[in-house]
N, C-alpha and C. Protein backbone atom coordinates (compact mmCIF):
# COMPACT_ATOMS: atom_id res chain seq x y z
N MET A 1 -74.17 -8.30 99.83
CA MET A 1 -73.20 -9.12 99.64
C MET A 1 -72.55 -9.06 97.97
N LYS A 2 -71.38 -9.01 97.91
CA LYS A 2 -70.81 -8.98 96.28
C LYS A 2 -71.17 -10.14 95.79
N GLY A 3 -71.46 -10.00 94.45
CA GLY A 3 -71.64 -11.08 93.67
C GLY A 3 -70.42 -11.26 92.65
N PHE A 4 -70.42 -12.40 91.86
CA PHE A 4 -69.42 -12.43 90.97
C PHE A 4 -69.01 -11.70 90.05
N LYS A 5 -70.07 -10.78 89.45
CA LYS A 5 -69.90 -9.68 88.48
C LYS A 5 -68.99 -8.45 89.25
N ASP A 6 -69.35 -8.42 90.78
CA ASP A 6 -68.71 -7.30 91.40
C ASP A 6 -67.14 -7.61 91.62
N TYR A 7 -67.09 -9.10 91.97
CA TYR A 7 -65.61 -9.44 92.05
C TYR A 7 -64.67 -9.21 90.85
N ILE A 8 -65.47 -9.64 89.70
CA ILE A 8 -64.97 -9.41 88.43
C ILE A 8 -64.46 -7.60 88.19
N PHE A 9 -65.61 -6.79 88.48
CA PHE A 9 -65.21 -5.54 88.38
C PHE A 9 -64.18 -5.05 89.13
N ASP A 10 -64.10 -5.49 90.36
CA ASP A 10 -63.22 -5.07 91.32
C ASP A 10 -61.65 -5.49 90.79
N PHE A 11 -61.73 -6.81 90.34
CA PHE A 11 -60.59 -7.28 89.81
C PHE A 11 -59.83 -6.55 88.47
N LEU A 12 -60.88 -6.15 87.73
CA LEU A 12 -60.25 -5.45 86.46
C LEU A 12 -60.08 -3.81 86.66
N ASN A 13 -60.64 -3.37 87.86
CA ASN A 13 -60.40 -2.04 88.43
C ASN A 13 -59.11 -1.89 89.45
N GLY A 14 -58.45 -3.14 89.51
CA GLY A 14 -57.23 -3.21 90.31
C GLY A 14 -57.56 -3.28 91.91
N VAL A 15 -58.71 -3.49 92.49
CA VAL A 15 -58.98 -3.53 93.81
C VAL A 15 -58.56 -5.08 94.26
N ASN A 16 -57.88 -5.05 95.42
CA ASN A 16 -57.61 -6.14 96.20
C ASN A 16 -58.66 -7.30 96.64
N ILE A 17 -58.93 -8.04 95.50
CA ILE A 17 -60.06 -9.20 95.92
C ILE A 17 -59.66 -10.12 96.68
N THR A 18 -58.58 -10.44 96.75
CA THR A 18 -57.92 -11.52 97.72
C THR A 18 -58.28 -11.37 99.09
N GLU A 19 -58.53 -10.22 99.51
CA GLU A 19 -58.85 -9.90 100.97
C GLU A 19 -60.43 -9.69 101.29
N ALA A 20 -61.30 -10.20 100.53
CA ALA A 20 -62.72 -9.76 100.45
C ALA A 20 -63.49 -10.35 101.83
N PRO A 21 -64.37 -9.51 102.44
CA PRO A 21 -64.69 -9.82 103.78
C PRO A 21 -65.63 -11.13 103.44
N GLY A 22 -65.61 -12.25 104.62
CA GLY A 22 -66.32 -13.35 104.52
C GLY A 22 -65.56 -14.43 103.87
N MET A 23 -64.46 -14.31 103.54
CA MET A 23 -63.63 -15.33 102.85
C MET A 23 -63.23 -16.51 103.64
N ALA A 24 -63.24 -17.65 103.04
CA ALA A 24 -62.88 -19.02 103.66
C ALA A 24 -61.97 -19.60 102.93
N ARG A 25 -60.57 -19.33 103.36
CA ARG A 25 -59.47 -19.99 102.75
C ARG A 25 -58.72 -20.86 103.61
N VAL A 26 -58.99 -22.24 103.30
CA VAL A 26 -58.75 -23.12 104.31
C VAL A 26 -57.88 -24.22 103.78
N ILE A 27 -56.84 -24.65 104.87
CA ILE A 27 -55.95 -25.52 104.79
C ILE A 27 -56.48 -26.73 105.63
N MET A 28 -56.48 -27.75 104.80
CA MET A 28 -56.95 -29.10 105.52
C MET A 28 -55.87 -30.27 105.43
N ILE A 29 -55.43 -30.51 106.91
CA ILE A 29 -54.38 -31.31 107.05
C ILE A 29 -54.76 -32.24 107.64
N GLY A 30 -54.11 -33.81 107.48
CA GLY A 30 -54.51 -34.82 107.72
C GLY A 30 -53.57 -35.87 107.23
N GLY A 31 -53.53 -37.09 107.70
CA GLY A 31 -52.87 -38.27 107.14
C GLY A 31 -53.50 -38.77 105.90
N PRO A 32 -52.94 -39.53 105.24
CA PRO A 32 -53.42 -40.34 104.23
C PRO A 32 -54.62 -41.16 104.67
N GLY A 33 -55.76 -40.83 104.02
CA GLY A 33 -57.05 -41.78 104.32
C GLY A 33 -57.94 -41.07 105.68
N SER A 34 -57.40 -39.68 106.01
CA SER A 34 -58.11 -38.89 107.06
C SER A 34 -59.42 -38.42 106.65
N GLY A 35 -59.81 -38.64 105.25
CA GLY A 35 -61.06 -37.83 104.99
C GLY A 35 -60.95 -36.32 104.35
N LYS A 36 -59.69 -35.83 103.96
CA LYS A 36 -59.38 -34.63 103.62
C LYS A 36 -60.18 -34.22 102.19
N SER A 37 -60.19 -35.29 101.23
CA SER A 37 -60.93 -34.92 100.30
C SER A 37 -62.59 -35.09 100.25
N THR A 38 -62.92 -36.01 101.17
CA THR A 38 -64.30 -36.34 101.48
C THR A 38 -65.15 -35.11 101.98
N TYR A 39 -64.13 -34.59 103.16
CA TYR A 39 -64.82 -33.26 103.64
C TYR A 39 -64.55 -32.08 103.12
N SER A 40 -63.63 -31.63 102.19
CA SER A 40 -63.32 -30.53 101.32
C SER A 40 -64.42 -30.78 100.24
N GLU A 41 -64.97 -31.69 99.80
CA GLU A 41 -66.01 -31.77 98.58
C GLU A 41 -67.36 -31.30 99.25
N ILE A 42 -67.56 -31.76 100.15
CA ILE A 42 -68.59 -31.36 101.02
C ILE A 42 -68.97 -29.82 101.31
N MET A 43 -67.55 -29.31 101.93
CA MET A 43 -67.66 -27.98 102.17
C MET A 43 -67.51 -27.12 100.74
N GLU A 44 -67.12 -27.81 99.99
CA GLU A 44 -67.20 -27.11 98.34
C GLU A 44 -68.42 -26.80 98.02
N ARG A 45 -69.35 -27.83 98.24
CA ARG A 45 -70.82 -27.77 98.04
C ARG A 45 -71.54 -26.80 98.82
N LYS A 46 -71.37 -26.89 100.12
CA LYS A 46 -71.86 -26.02 100.99
C LYS A 46 -71.50 -24.57 101.15
N LEU A 47 -70.24 -24.27 100.92
CA LEU A 47 -69.70 -23.07 100.74
C LEU A 47 -69.60 -22.39 99.63
N ASN A 48 -69.69 -23.21 98.68
CA ASN A 48 -69.59 -22.68 97.25
C ASN A 48 -68.07 -22.08 97.01
N ILE A 49 -67.22 -22.74 97.46
CA ILE A 49 -65.67 -22.44 97.11
C ILE A 49 -65.14 -23.62 96.75
N PRO A 50 -63.96 -23.43 95.76
CA PRO A 50 -63.43 -24.73 95.18
C PRO A 50 -62.47 -25.63 96.07
N HIS A 51 -62.57 -26.75 95.76
CA HIS A 51 -61.61 -27.83 96.54
C HIS A 51 -60.48 -27.79 95.67
N ILE A 52 -59.50 -27.38 96.16
CA ILE A 52 -58.08 -27.45 95.42
C ILE A 52 -57.24 -28.68 95.93
N TYR A 53 -57.22 -29.83 95.27
CA TYR A 53 -56.72 -31.28 95.71
C TYR A 53 -55.17 -31.27 94.82
N THR A 54 -54.32 -30.92 95.53
CA THR A 54 -52.81 -31.02 94.90
C THR A 54 -52.47 -32.56 94.56
N GLY A 55 -53.11 -33.41 95.24
CA GLY A 55 -52.82 -34.73 94.72
C GLY A 55 -53.46 -34.98 93.35
N ASP A 56 -54.45 -34.72 93.00
CA ASP A 56 -55.07 -34.89 91.65
C ASP A 56 -54.34 -34.04 90.64
N MET A 57 -53.98 -32.87 91.02
CA MET A 57 -53.10 -31.92 90.22
C MET A 57 -52.06 -32.57 89.86
N MET A 58 -51.23 -33.30 90.84
CA MET A 58 -49.92 -33.90 90.56
C MET A 58 -50.28 -35.26 89.93
N ARG A 59 -51.36 -35.80 90.08
CA ARG A 59 -51.41 -37.25 89.23
C ARG A 59 -51.70 -36.70 87.69
N LYS A 60 -52.50 -35.62 87.59
CA LYS A 60 -52.62 -35.31 86.11
C LYS A 60 -51.25 -34.81 85.68
N LEU A 61 -50.59 -34.20 86.31
CA LEU A 61 -49.06 -33.81 85.76
C LEU A 61 -48.31 -34.96 85.63
N SER A 62 -48.42 -35.83 86.41
CA SER A 62 -47.57 -37.12 86.12
C SER A 62 -47.66 -37.66 84.82
N LYS A 63 -48.75 -37.59 84.05
CA LYS A 63 -49.10 -38.05 82.80
C LYS A 63 -47.94 -37.74 81.66
N THR A 64 -47.60 -36.40 82.11
CA THR A 64 -46.53 -35.64 81.14
C THR A 64 -45.33 -35.42 81.52
N ASN A 65 -44.96 -35.67 82.88
CA ASN A 65 -43.85 -35.35 83.60
C ASN A 65 -43.34 -36.62 84.42
N ASP A 66 -42.18 -37.37 83.73
CA ASP A 66 -41.79 -38.58 84.30
C ASP A 66 -41.30 -38.42 85.82
N MET A 67 -40.49 -37.33 85.99
CA MET A 67 -39.99 -36.91 87.28
C MET A 67 -41.09 -37.23 88.36
N VAL A 68 -42.19 -36.50 88.18
CA VAL A 68 -43.29 -36.63 89.14
C VAL A 68 -44.12 -37.92 89.09
N LYS A 69 -44.09 -38.51 87.99
CA LYS A 69 -44.72 -39.86 87.86
C LYS A 69 -43.99 -40.77 88.63
N ASP A 70 -42.39 -40.86 88.73
CA ASP A 70 -41.81 -41.61 89.43
C ASP A 70 -41.91 -41.45 90.87
N LEU A 71 -41.87 -40.18 91.38
CA LEU A 71 -41.96 -39.85 92.77
C LEU A 71 -43.40 -40.32 93.53
N LEU A 72 -44.40 -40.06 92.62
CA LEU A 72 -45.88 -40.55 93.13
C LEU A 72 -45.80 -42.13 93.07
N ALA A 73 -45.36 -42.86 92.28
CA ALA A 73 -45.24 -44.20 92.20
C ALA A 73 -44.38 -44.98 93.61
N ARG A 74 -43.78 -44.02 94.12
CA ARG A 74 -43.05 -44.40 95.40
C ARG A 74 -43.69 -44.02 96.32
N GLY A 75 -44.86 -43.01 96.39
CA GLY A 75 -45.44 -42.58 97.52
C GLY A 75 -45.00 -41.35 98.22
N GLU A 76 -43.96 -40.71 97.14
CA GLU A 76 -43.19 -39.52 97.64
C GLU A 76 -44.08 -38.32 97.06
N PHE A 77 -43.59 -36.98 97.51
CA PHE A 77 -44.19 -35.89 97.19
C PHE A 77 -43.73 -35.28 95.86
N ALA A 78 -44.27 -34.45 95.16
CA ALA A 78 -43.63 -33.85 94.12
C ALA A 78 -42.87 -32.67 94.86
N PRO A 79 -41.97 -32.05 93.68
CA PRO A 79 -41.06 -30.98 94.21
C PRO A 79 -41.72 -29.59 94.45
N THR A 80 -41.29 -29.23 95.54
CA THR A 80 -42.27 -27.86 95.99
C THR A 80 -42.39 -26.99 94.84
N HIS A 81 -41.25 -26.55 94.13
CA HIS A 81 -41.69 -25.47 93.11
C HIS A 81 -42.74 -25.93 91.96
N THR A 82 -42.67 -27.22 91.93
CA THR A 82 -43.96 -27.67 91.04
C THR A 82 -45.23 -27.59 91.45
N VAL A 83 -45.38 -27.83 92.75
CA VAL A 83 -46.85 -27.75 93.48
C VAL A 83 -47.06 -26.45 93.58
N ILE A 84 -46.35 -25.43 93.96
CA ILE A 84 -46.57 -24.10 94.50
C ILE A 84 -46.93 -23.35 92.99
N ARG A 85 -46.29 -23.78 91.97
CA ARG A 85 -46.54 -23.00 90.50
C ARG A 85 -48.12 -23.40 90.12
N ALA A 86 -48.34 -24.76 90.38
CA ALA A 86 -49.71 -25.33 89.89
C ALA A 86 -50.68 -24.70 90.72
N VAL A 87 -50.55 -24.54 91.95
CA VAL A 87 -51.55 -24.02 93.00
C VAL A 87 -51.74 -22.32 92.48
N GLN A 88 -50.51 -21.54 92.25
CA GLN A 88 -50.63 -20.42 91.65
C GLN A 88 -51.48 -20.24 90.50
N GLU A 89 -51.24 -21.13 89.64
CA GLU A 89 -52.13 -21.00 88.50
C GLU A 89 -53.47 -21.24 88.70
N ARG A 90 -53.69 -22.09 89.58
CA ARG A 90 -55.24 -22.54 90.02
C ARG A 90 -55.83 -21.23 90.66
N LEU A 91 -55.12 -20.67 91.49
CA LEU A 91 -55.68 -19.51 92.21
C LEU A 91 -55.94 -18.30 91.20
N GLU A 92 -55.41 -18.19 90.02
CA GLU A 92 -55.73 -16.93 89.18
C GLU A 92 -57.11 -17.13 88.57
N LYS A 93 -57.84 -18.39 88.71
CA LYS A 93 -59.20 -18.60 88.40
C LYS A 93 -60.31 -17.91 89.35
N PRO A 94 -61.24 -17.17 88.44
CA PRO A 94 -62.52 -16.28 89.35
C PRO A 94 -63.13 -17.12 90.47
N ASP A 95 -63.11 -18.40 90.27
CA ASP A 95 -63.92 -19.09 91.39
C ASP A 95 -63.21 -19.21 92.62
N THR A 96 -61.97 -18.74 92.85
CA THR A 96 -61.15 -19.01 93.98
C THR A 96 -61.31 -17.41 94.80
N PHE A 97 -62.06 -16.60 94.33
CA PHE A 97 -62.07 -15.08 94.75
C PHE A 97 -62.65 -15.00 96.23
N LYS A 98 -63.67 -15.84 96.39
CA LYS A 98 -64.55 -16.12 97.83
C LYS A 98 -63.90 -16.91 98.67
N GLY A 99 -62.82 -17.68 98.17
CA GLY A 99 -62.23 -18.67 98.88
C GLY A 99 -61.88 -19.90 98.32
N TYR A 100 -61.20 -20.70 99.08
CA TYR A 100 -60.78 -22.16 98.67
C TYR A 100 -60.55 -23.05 99.76
N ILE A 101 -60.24 -24.36 99.41
CA ILE A 101 -60.18 -25.30 100.40
C ILE A 101 -58.99 -26.06 99.77
N PHE A 102 -57.77 -26.01 100.44
CA PHE A 102 -56.50 -26.86 100.13
C PHE A 102 -56.52 -28.16 100.59
N ASP A 103 -56.64 -29.06 99.99
CA ASP A 103 -56.62 -30.57 100.22
C ASP A 103 -55.22 -30.97 100.40
N GLY A 104 -54.45 -31.29 101.32
CA GLY A 104 -53.26 -31.73 101.31
C GLY A 104 -52.20 -30.74 100.90
N PHE A 105 -52.27 -29.43 101.07
CA PHE A 105 -51.32 -28.57 100.74
C PHE A 105 -51.55 -27.48 101.67
N PRO A 106 -50.40 -26.91 102.39
CA PRO A 106 -49.06 -27.52 102.12
C PRO A 106 -48.89 -28.92 102.79
N ARG A 107 -47.92 -29.46 102.11
CA ARG A 107 -47.54 -31.05 102.62
C ARG A 107 -46.46 -30.89 103.64
N ASN A 108 -45.74 -29.94 103.54
CA ASN A 108 -44.58 -30.15 104.42
C ASN A 108 -44.13 -28.60 104.91
N ILE A 109 -43.48 -28.15 105.80
CA ILE A 109 -42.85 -27.02 106.00
C ILE A 109 -42.28 -26.27 104.90
N GLU A 110 -41.44 -26.86 104.30
CA GLU A 110 -40.85 -26.28 103.14
C GLU A 110 -42.12 -25.62 102.09
N GLN A 111 -43.24 -26.25 101.72
CA GLN A 111 -44.17 -25.88 101.03
C GLN A 111 -44.86 -24.48 101.72
N ALA A 112 -45.15 -25.00 103.06
CA ALA A 112 -45.69 -23.82 103.76
C ALA A 112 -44.82 -22.44 103.80
N LYS A 113 -43.73 -22.39 103.92
CA LYS A 113 -42.88 -21.32 103.99
C LYS A 113 -42.79 -20.71 102.77
N GLU A 114 -42.76 -21.53 101.54
CA GLU A 114 -42.56 -21.17 100.33
C GLU A 114 -44.05 -20.34 99.74
N MET A 115 -45.17 -21.10 100.28
CA MET A 115 -46.74 -20.49 100.04
C MET A 115 -46.80 -19.12 100.67
N GLU A 116 -46.10 -18.88 101.81
CA GLU A 116 -46.32 -17.57 102.46
C GLU A 116 -45.30 -16.42 101.71
N LYS A 117 -44.35 -17.21 101.31
CA LYS A 117 -43.22 -16.46 100.42
C LYS A 117 -43.83 -15.79 99.28
N VAL A 118 -44.68 -16.27 98.54
CA VAL A 118 -45.22 -16.03 97.11
C VAL A 118 -46.73 -15.68 97.51
N GLY A 119 -47.22 -15.42 98.75
CA GLY A 119 -48.34 -14.74 99.08
C GLY A 119 -49.48 -15.36 98.81
N ILE A 120 -49.52 -16.67 98.96
CA ILE A 120 -50.73 -17.67 99.06
C ILE A 120 -51.29 -17.56 100.62
N LYS A 121 -52.40 -17.13 100.40
CA LYS A 121 -52.99 -16.85 101.91
C LYS A 121 -53.90 -18.01 102.50
N HIS A 122 -54.18 -17.92 103.91
CA HIS A 122 -55.08 -18.83 104.21
C HIS A 122 -55.78 -18.10 105.46
N ASP A 123 -56.96 -18.67 105.84
CA ASP A 123 -57.70 -18.08 107.24
C ASP A 123 -57.71 -19.16 108.33
N TYR A 124 -57.84 -20.43 107.81
CA TYR A 124 -58.13 -21.28 108.82
C TYR A 124 -57.16 -22.68 108.46
N VAL A 125 -56.68 -23.25 109.33
CA VAL A 125 -56.02 -24.41 109.27
C VAL A 125 -56.77 -25.62 109.97
N ILE A 126 -57.26 -26.47 109.47
CA ILE A 126 -58.18 -27.77 110.04
C ILE A 126 -57.05 -28.93 110.15
N TYR A 127 -57.20 -29.43 111.06
CA TYR A 127 -56.39 -31.01 111.48
C TYR A 127 -57.26 -31.96 111.52
N LEU A 128 -57.40 -32.98 110.66
CA LEU A 128 -58.22 -34.04 110.67
C LEU A 128 -57.46 -35.29 111.61
N ASP A 129 -58.06 -35.21 112.90
CA ASP A 129 -57.20 -36.33 113.64
C ASP A 129 -57.90 -37.66 113.57
N VAL A 130 -57.36 -38.73 113.10
CA VAL A 130 -57.65 -39.91 112.89
C VAL A 130 -56.71 -41.09 113.38
N SER A 131 -57.16 -42.13 113.99
CA SER A 131 -56.16 -43.10 114.60
C SER A 131 -55.41 -43.77 113.31
N LYS A 132 -54.16 -44.15 113.50
CA LYS A 132 -53.21 -44.85 112.31
C LYS A 132 -54.26 -46.09 112.10
N GLU A 133 -54.70 -46.84 112.93
CA GLU A 133 -55.54 -48.11 112.78
C GLU A 133 -56.62 -47.82 111.72
N GLU A 134 -57.51 -46.69 112.04
CA GLU A 134 -58.46 -46.46 111.17
C GLU A 134 -57.95 -45.95 109.75
N VAL A 135 -56.91 -45.09 109.74
CA VAL A 135 -56.28 -44.87 108.66
C VAL A 135 -56.07 -46.05 107.70
N ILE A 136 -55.30 -47.01 108.13
CA ILE A 136 -54.99 -48.16 107.26
C ILE A 136 -56.32 -48.98 107.13
N ARG A 137 -57.32 -48.93 107.90
CA ARG A 137 -58.37 -49.70 107.44
C ARG A 137 -59.05 -48.95 106.29
N ARG A 138 -59.22 -47.66 106.28
CA ARG A 138 -59.82 -46.85 105.24
C ARG A 138 -59.15 -46.87 103.77
N LEU A 139 -57.57 -46.83 103.86
CA LEU A 139 -57.07 -46.87 102.79
C LEU A 139 -57.02 -48.44 102.03
N THR A 140 -56.99 -49.39 102.91
CA THR A 140 -57.29 -50.69 102.50
C THR A 140 -58.24 -50.99 101.77
N ALA A 141 -59.58 -50.45 102.33
CA ALA A 141 -60.84 -50.62 101.87
C ALA A 141 -61.33 -49.73 100.64
N ARG A 142 -60.49 -48.66 100.27
CA ARG A 142 -60.74 -47.89 99.01
C ARG A 142 -60.60 -48.38 97.73
N GLY A 143 -59.33 -49.24 97.86
CA GLY A 143 -59.19 -50.14 96.66
C GLY A 143 -58.54 -49.20 95.54
N ARG A 144 -57.71 -48.18 95.74
CA ARG A 144 -57.08 -47.42 94.60
C ARG A 144 -55.94 -48.17 94.24
N LYS A 145 -55.38 -48.32 93.11
CA LYS A 145 -54.20 -49.26 92.78
C LYS A 145 -52.99 -48.52 93.32
N ASP A 146 -52.81 -47.28 93.82
CA ASP A 146 -51.56 -47.03 94.55
C ASP A 146 -51.91 -47.21 96.11
N ASP A 147 -52.97 -47.79 96.47
CA ASP A 147 -53.19 -48.11 97.81
C ASP A 147 -52.63 -49.74 98.41
N THR A 148 -51.50 -50.10 97.69
CA THR A 148 -50.89 -51.57 98.15
C THR A 148 -50.37 -51.36 99.58
N PRO A 149 -50.22 -52.38 100.34
CA PRO A 149 -49.75 -52.34 101.84
C PRO A 149 -48.38 -51.55 101.76
N LYS A 150 -47.60 -51.99 100.81
CA LYS A 150 -46.07 -51.36 100.83
C LYS A 150 -46.44 -49.67 100.64
N ILE A 151 -47.06 -49.26 99.36
CA ILE A 151 -47.30 -47.83 99.56
C ILE A 151 -47.87 -47.26 100.49
N ILE A 152 -48.87 -47.76 101.26
CA ILE A 152 -49.65 -47.36 102.14
C ILE A 152 -48.59 -47.14 103.21
N MET A 153 -47.83 -48.03 103.78
CA MET A 153 -47.01 -47.71 104.90
C MET A 153 -45.89 -46.87 104.49
N ASN A 154 -45.65 -46.68 103.15
CA ASN A 154 -44.57 -45.66 102.89
C ASN A 154 -45.19 -44.32 103.16
N ARG A 155 -46.37 -44.25 102.46
CA ARG A 155 -47.01 -42.84 102.78
C ARG A 155 -47.52 -42.52 104.06
N LEU A 156 -47.57 -43.41 104.90
CA LEU A 156 -48.05 -43.01 106.36
C LEU A 156 -46.34 -42.60 106.99
N GLU A 157 -45.34 -43.27 106.48
CA GLU A 157 -44.07 -42.84 106.97
C GLU A 157 -43.52 -41.37 106.42
N VAL A 158 -44.06 -41.02 105.15
CA VAL A 158 -43.76 -39.85 104.52
C VAL A 158 -44.52 -39.01 105.27
N TYR A 159 -45.90 -39.12 105.49
CA TYR A 159 -46.67 -38.10 106.27
C TYR A 159 -45.92 -37.76 107.59
N GLU A 160 -45.59 -38.89 108.34
CA GLU A 160 -44.87 -38.60 109.75
C GLU A 160 -43.76 -37.70 109.60
N ARG A 161 -43.10 -38.02 108.55
CA ARG A 161 -41.83 -37.18 108.45
C ARG A 161 -41.96 -35.82 108.05
N GLU A 162 -42.83 -35.92 106.75
CA GLU A 162 -42.86 -34.58 106.21
C GLU A 162 -44.05 -33.45 106.54
N THR A 163 -45.28 -34.35 106.87
CA THR A 163 -46.59 -33.30 107.03
C THR A 163 -47.03 -33.01 108.41
N ALA A 164 -46.62 -34.17 109.33
CA ALA A 164 -46.92 -34.07 110.97
C ALA A 164 -46.34 -33.03 111.41
N PRO A 165 -44.86 -32.39 110.87
CA PRO A 165 -44.54 -31.11 111.73
C PRO A 165 -45.21 -29.83 111.37
N LEU A 166 -46.19 -29.98 110.55
CA LEU A 166 -46.99 -28.72 110.04
C LEU A 166 -47.80 -28.52 111.41
N LEU A 167 -48.20 -29.52 112.22
CA LEU A 167 -49.03 -29.36 113.26
C LEU A 167 -48.23 -28.54 114.50
N GLU A 168 -47.27 -28.59 114.36
CA GLU A 168 -46.46 -27.78 115.29
C GLU A 168 -46.33 -26.37 114.82
N TYR A 169 -45.87 -26.42 113.37
CA TYR A 169 -45.68 -24.87 112.51
C TYR A 169 -46.92 -24.19 112.63
N TYR A 170 -48.18 -24.54 112.73
CA TYR A 170 -49.51 -23.94 112.66
C TYR A 170 -50.04 -24.09 114.05
N LYS A 171 -49.56 -24.32 115.17
CA LYS A 171 -49.93 -24.77 116.36
C LYS A 171 -50.82 -23.53 116.96
N ASP A 172 -50.46 -22.32 116.64
CA ASP A 172 -51.20 -21.24 117.00
C ASP A 172 -52.73 -20.94 116.62
N GLU A 173 -52.84 -21.47 115.26
CA GLU A 173 -54.15 -21.43 114.71
C GLU A 173 -54.77 -22.71 114.35
N LEU A 174 -54.13 -23.72 114.76
CA LEU A 174 -54.72 -25.15 114.22
C LEU A 174 -56.14 -25.44 115.01
N ILE A 175 -56.86 -25.71 114.14
CA ILE A 175 -58.33 -26.24 114.51
C ILE A 175 -58.26 -27.82 114.52
N LYS A 176 -58.39 -28.63 115.76
CA LYS A 176 -58.28 -29.94 115.58
C LYS A 176 -59.85 -30.54 115.60
N ILE A 177 -60.04 -31.41 114.53
CA ILE A 177 -61.30 -32.08 114.55
C ILE A 177 -61.09 -33.55 114.69
N LYS A 178 -61.66 -34.27 115.28
CA LYS A 178 -61.75 -35.64 115.51
C LYS A 178 -62.74 -36.19 114.37
N ALA A 179 -61.94 -36.80 113.34
CA ALA A 179 -62.74 -37.12 111.88
C ALA A 179 -62.92 -38.72 112.13
N GLU A 180 -63.33 -39.23 113.12
CA GLU A 180 -63.82 -40.59 113.17
C GLU A 180 -64.52 -40.52 114.28
N GLY A 181 -65.81 -41.51 114.14
CA GLY A 181 -66.63 -41.86 115.12
C GLY A 181 -68.23 -41.39 115.03
N GLY A 182 -68.18 -40.29 113.97
CA GLY A 182 -69.30 -39.66 113.82
C GLY A 182 -69.57 -39.87 112.29
N THR A 183 -70.84 -39.27 111.82
CA THR A 183 -71.04 -39.42 110.49
C THR A 183 -70.36 -38.57 109.51
N THR A 184 -70.00 -38.99 108.33
CA THR A 184 -69.47 -37.77 107.48
C THR A 184 -70.03 -36.43 107.56
N GLU A 185 -71.29 -36.47 107.43
CA GLU A 185 -71.97 -35.14 107.26
C GLU A 185 -71.71 -34.55 108.88
N GLU A 186 -71.86 -35.14 109.96
CA GLU A 186 -71.63 -34.47 111.16
C GLU A 186 -70.39 -33.84 111.27
N ILE A 187 -69.40 -34.55 110.82
CA ILE A 187 -68.12 -34.07 110.81
C ILE A 187 -67.61 -33.03 110.14
N ALA A 188 -68.31 -33.24 108.87
CA ALA A 188 -68.14 -31.84 107.70
C ALA A 188 -68.74 -30.68 108.31
N GLN A 189 -69.93 -30.75 109.02
CA GLN A 189 -70.78 -29.69 109.42
C GLN A 189 -70.03 -28.97 110.66
N THR A 190 -69.19 -29.84 111.50
CA THR A 190 -68.42 -29.33 112.44
C THR A 190 -67.24 -28.39 111.92
N ILE A 191 -66.63 -29.01 110.83
CA ILE A 191 -65.50 -28.28 110.19
C ILE A 191 -66.16 -26.95 109.70
N ILE A 192 -67.19 -27.00 109.17
CA ILE A 192 -67.82 -25.78 108.48
C ILE A 192 -68.21 -24.77 109.58
N ASP A 193 -68.69 -25.27 110.65
CA ASP A 193 -69.03 -24.32 111.89
C ASP A 193 -67.89 -23.52 112.47
N LYS A 194 -66.62 -24.36 112.27
CA LYS A 194 -65.24 -23.69 112.78
C LYS A 194 -64.80 -22.57 111.92
N THR A 195 -65.24 -22.82 110.56
CA THR A 195 -64.58 -21.77 109.51
C THR A 195 -65.57 -20.69 109.16
N LYS A 196 -66.67 -20.37 110.13
CA LYS A 196 -67.51 -19.17 110.14
C LYS A 196 -66.99 -18.02 110.71
């Protein structure tokens, strides 16, 4: 099995390291509060690949970009070109050479198409299936300042309008996971088992 030094050697010698055997490049899809970040963090630890959370990336960007700040404050998504550029920069880091977990990216079909156009690859598409009632319960319980009832309802509407169509877009490769009713560790292990 190749180690980090081997990947760096290949990279410096022009070998295509983005297609290394045994890679796990995972897209995690689910509504707000479905557990994308929770399961991604567990997978990150167990698979030793980075959890790439575009939500955090955009929150950091919103500190210096007023347009992104205003969109996020309303529960809307950042522009596709902004997100794609941030993801491309993140994928240049060596820790992504063995794989990565996209948490909430792509957010919509426009991002999915642009992702393919610029050559951002994936191996698995995981859909975390959680009832709307459970999503609302989880979001109101976590107490983030951007989880007010009005913003939660808007985020659910945005999800239904923008992200839910990805389920049809990826229908031929979609792996559906019931992400409620079991323990967090059990559900995470089910996801990991499906990405081997």
